[in-house]
C-alpha atoms as a PDB file:
ATOM      1  CA  UNK A   1     -17.929   4.754  -2.633  1.00  0.00           C
ATOM      2  CA  UNK A   2     -14.874   3.888  -3.677  1.00  0.00           C
ATOM      3  CA  UNK A   3     -13.793  -0.058  -4.098  1.00  0.00           C
ATOM      4  CA  UNK A   4      -9.934  -0.822  -4.547  1.00  0.00           C
ATOM      5  CA  UNK A   5      -8.771  -3.731  -5.663  1.00  0.00           C
ATOM      6  CA  UNK A   6      -5.154  -4.975  -5.041  1.00  0.00           C
ATOM      7  CA  UNK A   7      -2.600  -7.243  -7.363  1.00  0.00           C
ATOM      8  CA  UNK A   8       0.411  -8.520  -7.628  1.00  0.00           C
ATOM      9  CA  UNK A   9       1.250 -10.139  -4.269  1.00  0.00           C
ATOM     10  CA  UNK A  10       3.139 -13.681  -3.824  1.00  0.00           C
ATOM     11  CA  UNK A  11       6.005 -15.777  -2.452  1.00  0.00           C
ATOM     12  CA  UNK A  12       9.214 -14.401  -2.854  1.00  0.00           C
ATOM     13  CA  UNK A  13      13.061 -15.076  -1.475  1.00  0.00           C
ATOM     14  CA  UNK A  14      14.534 -12.395   0.908  1.00  0.00           C
ATOM     15  CA  UNK A  15      16.208  -9.981  -1.220  1.00  0.00           C
ATOM     16  CA  UNK A  16      13.696  -9.679  -3.987  1.00  0.00           C
ATOM     17  CA  UNK A  17      11.482  -7.058  -5.283  1.00  0.00           C
ATOM     18  CA  UNK A  18       7.349  -7.168  -5.937  1.00  0.00           C
ATOM     19  CA  UNK A  19       5.016  -4.541  -6.864  1.00  0.00           C
ATOM     20  CA  UNK A  20       1.483  -4.555  -5.960  1.00  0.00           C
ATOM     21  CA  UNK A  21      -1.166  -2.096  -7.487  1.00  0.00           C
ATOM     22  CA  UNK A  22      -4.336  -1.038  -6.387  1.00  0.00           C
ATOM     23  CA  UNK A  23      -6.997   0.129  -8.986  1.00  0.00           C
ATOM     24  CA  UNK A  24      -9.634   2.340  -7.715  1.00  0.00           C
ATOM     25  CA  UNK A  25     -13.356   2.571  -9.310  1.00  0.00           C
ATOM     26  CA  UNK A  26     -16.277   4.267  -8.031  1.00  0.00           C
ATOM     27  CA  UNK A  27     -15.170   7.806  -7.032  1.00  0.00           C
ATOM     28  CA  UNK A  28     -12.677  10.323  -7.685  1.00  0.00           C
ATOM     29  CA  UNK A  29      -9.459   9.239  -7.224  1.00  0.00           C
ATOM     30  CA  UNK A  30      -7.329  12.283  -7.831  1.00  0.00           C
ATOM     31  CA  UNK A  31      -8.867  13.248  -4.724  1.00  0.00           C
ATOM     32  CA  UNK A  32      -7.549  10.933  -2.482  1.00  0.00           C
ATOM     33  CA  UNK A  33      -4.696  10.455  -0.398  1.00  0.00           C
ATOM     34  CA  UNK A  34      -3.480   6.944  -0.855  1.00  0.00           C
ATOM     35  CA  UNK A  35      -1.850   4.778   1.452  1.00  0.00           C
ATOM     36  CA  UNK A  36      -0.818   1.051   2.191  1.00  0.00           C
ATOM     37  CA  UNK A  37      -1.340  -0.837   5.189  1.00  0.00           C
ATOM     38  CA  UNK A  38       0.133  -4.582   6.077  1.00  0.00           C
ATOM     39  CA  UNK A  39      -1.122  -6.890   8.799  1.00  0.00           C
ATOM     40  CA  UNK A  40       1.211 -10.038   9.723  1.00  0.00           C
ATOM     41  CA  UNK A  41      -0.245 -13.047  11.292  1.00  0.00           C
ATOM     42  CA  UNK A  42      -0.644 -12.439  15.099  1.00  0.00           C
ATOM     43  CA  UNK A  43      -0.273  -8.905  14.885  1.00  0.00           C
ATOM     44  CA  UNK A  44      -1.847  -5.150  14.221  1.00  0.00           C
ATOM     45  CA  UNK A  45      -2.675  -3.808  10.816  1.00  0.00           C
ATOM     46  CA  UNK A  46       0.395  -0.911  10.405  1.00  0.00           C
ATOM     47  CA  UNK A  47       0.888   2.110   8.407  1.00  0.00           C
ATOM     48  CA  UNK A  48       3.740   1.336   5.373  1.00  0.00           C
ATOM     49  CA  UNK A  49       3.085   4.450   3.524  1.00  0.00           C
ATOM     50  CA  UNK A  50       0.975   7.148   1.751  1.00  0.00           C
ATOM     51  CA  UNK A  51       1.180   9.395  -1.261  1.00  0.00           C
ATOM     52  CA  UNK A  52      -1.303  12.563  -1.855  1.00  0.00           C
ATOM     53  CA  UNK A  53      -2.518  13.192  -4.864  1.00  0.00           C
ATOM     54  CA  UNK A  54       0.163  15.585  -6.062  1.00  0.00           C
ATOM     55  CA  UNK A  55       2.610  12.888  -5.773  1.00  0.00           C
ATOM     56  CA  UNK A  56       4.190  13.590  -2.000  1.00  0.00           C
ATOM     57  CA  UNK A  57       4.854  10.446   0.142  1.00  0.00           C
ATOM     58  CA  UNK A  58       5.549   9.165   3.710  1.00  0.00           C
ATOM     59  CA  UNK A  59       6.973   5.977   4.796  1.00  0.00           C
ATOM     60  CA  UNK A  60       7.134   4.212   7.833  1.00  0.00           C
ATOM     61  CA  UNK A  61      10.694   4.024   8.793  1.00  0.00           C
ATOM     62  CA  UNK A  62      10.772   0.227   8.371  1.00  0.00           C
ATOM     63  CA  UNK A  63      10.438   0.415   5.014  1.00  0.00           C
ATOM     64  CA  UNK A  64      12.069   4.007   3.947  1.00  0.00           C
ATOM     65  CA  UNK A  65      14.397   3.647   1.363  1.00  0.00           C
ATOM     66  CA  UNK A  66      13.263   0.257   0.065  1.00  0.00           C
ATOM     67  CA  UNK A  67       9.368   0.835  -0.742  1.00  0.00           C
ATOM     68  CA  UNK A  68       8.489   3.307  -3.131  1.00  0.00           C
ATOM     69  CA  UNK A  69       4.425   4.704  -3.730  1.00  0.00           C
ATOM     70  CA  UNK A  70       3.720   6.128  -7.247  1.00  0.00           C
ATOM     71  CA  UNK A  71       0.229   6.739  -8.360  1.00  0.00           C
ATOM     72  CA  UNK A  72      -1.030   7.306 -11.902  1.00  0.00           C
ATOM     73  CA  UNK A  73      -4.383   9.548 -11.664  1.00  0.00           C
ATOM     74  CA  UNK A  74      -4.794   8.945 -15.260  1.00  0.00           C
ATOM     75  CA  UNK A  75      -5.760   5.133 -14.333  1.00  0.00           C
ATOM     76  CA  UNK A  76      -6.603   5.702 -11.275  1.00  0.00           C
ATOM     77  CA  UNK A  77      -4.291   3.595  -9.818  1.00  0.00           C
ATOM     78  CA  UNK A  78      -1.218   3.215  -6.997  1.00  0.00           C
ATOM     79  CA  UNK A  79       1.727   1.490  -7.108  1.00  0.00           C
ATOM     80  CA  UNK A  80       4.174  -0.244  -4.164  1.00  0.00           C
ATOM     81  CA  UNK A  81       7.713  -0.759  -5.343  1.00  0.00           C
ATOM     82  CA  UNK A  82       9.116  -3.126  -2.805  1.00  0.00           C
ATOM     83  CA  UNK A  83      12.875  -3.638  -2.985  1.00  0.00           C
ATOM     84  CA  UNK A  84      15.063  -5.696  -1.065  1.00  0.00           C
ATOM     85  CA  UNK A  85      11.826  -7.736   0.616  1.00  0.00           C
ATOM     86  CA  UNK A  86      12.948  -8.886   4.408  1.00  0.00           C
ATOM     87  CA  UNK A  87      10.822 -12.119   6.098  1.00  0.00           C
ATOM     88  CA  UNK A  88       9.723  -9.515   8.453  1.00  0.00           C
ATOM     89  CA  UNK A  89       7.728  -7.904   5.139  1.00  0.00           C
ATOM     90  CA  UNK A  90       5.402 -11.294   5.135  1.00  0.00           C
ATOM     91  CA  UNK A  91       1.985  -9.809   5.363  1.00  0.00           C
ATOM     92  CA  UNK A  92      -1.298  -9.446   3.936  1.00  0.00           C
ATOM     93  CA  UNK A  93      -0.948  -5.835   2.293  1.00  0.00           C
ATOM     94  CA  UNK A  94      -3.479  -3.365   1.828  1.00  0.00           C
ATOM     95  CA  UNK A  95      -4.652  -0.186   0.169  1.00  0.00           C
ATOM     96  CA  UNK A  96      -6.945   2.075   1.538  1.00  0.00           C
ATOM     97  CA  UNK A  97      -8.274   5.694   0.331  1.00  0.00           C
ATOM     98  CA  UNK A  98      -8.732   8.591   2.794  1.00  0.00           C
ATOM     99  CA  UNK A  99      -9.471  12.575   2.048  1.00  0.00           C
ATOM    100  CA  UNK A 100      -7.425  13.012   4.872  1.00  0.00           C
ATOM    101  CA  UNK A 101      -4.150  14.775   4.275  1.00  0.00           C
ATOM    102  CA  UNK A 102      -0.949  12.826   5.433  1.00  0.00           C
ATOM    103  CA  UNK A 103      -3.120  10.332   7.308  1.00  0.00           C
ATOM    104  CA  UNK A 104      -1.165   7.552   9.076  1.00  0.00           C
ATOM    105  CA  UNK A 105      -4.103   5.701  11.140  1.00  0.00           C
ATOM    106  CA  UNK A 106      -5.990   3.441   9.613  1.00  0.00           C
ATOM    107  CA  UNK A 107      -8.998   5.084  11.287  1.00  0.00           C
ATOM    108  CA  UNK A 108      -8.964   7.804   8.998  1.00  0.00           C
ATOM    109  CA  UNK A 109      -8.897   5.857   5.711  1.00  0.00           C
ATOM    110  CA  UNK A 110     -12.595   5.123   4.754  1.00  0.00           C
ATOM    111  CA  UNK A 111     -12.377   2.667   1.789  1.00  0.00           C
ATOM    112  CA  UNK A 112     -10.251  -0.639   1.834  1.00  0.00           C
ATOM    113  CA  UNK A 113      -8.959  -3.399  -1.037  1.00  0.00           C
ATOM    114  CA  UNK A 114      -9.550  -6.693   0.140  1.00  0.00           C
ATOM    115  CA  UNK A 115      -5.788  -7.193   0.619  1.00  0.00           C
ATOM    116  CA  UNK A 116      -3.239  -9.055  -1.214  1.00  0.00           C
ATOM    117  CA  UNK A 117      -1.031 -11.520   0.777  1.00  0.00           C
ATOM    118  CA  UNK A 118       3.304 -11.298   0.566  1.00  0.00           C
ATOM    119  CA  UNK A 119       5.186 -14.198   1.588  1.00  0.00           C
ATOM    120  CA  UNK A 120       8.764 -13.395   2.284  1.00  0.00           C
ATOM    121  CA  UNK A 121      11.372 -16.374   2.260  1.00  0.00           C
ATOM    122  CA  UNK A 122      14.589 -16.543   4.299  1.00  0.00           C
END
């Protein structure tokens, strides 16, 4: 059983950067694909990006070039660096873990954090 805990959310103005972190415990972190998802009010949860155990990344088109995912297997941590934030990035951001390579559907992720709120004002 993998437990995930996100941190780093907050309220910021458009154009600035924010870094989210997710710490895993209770499982073999290095064997999992780690994903970030987000859910805005009134919308479905959507894929933001993912990183494999070897560090290969995949991103949604809406964040490509602005967001970067990294992981530190020694510290069981995955990070989401968000640059040039826009009001439409406002959402609750979730960290999730999967054993399926290149998983983009939330149904393929077995473990989830509690989420952290990111609010971007114009």
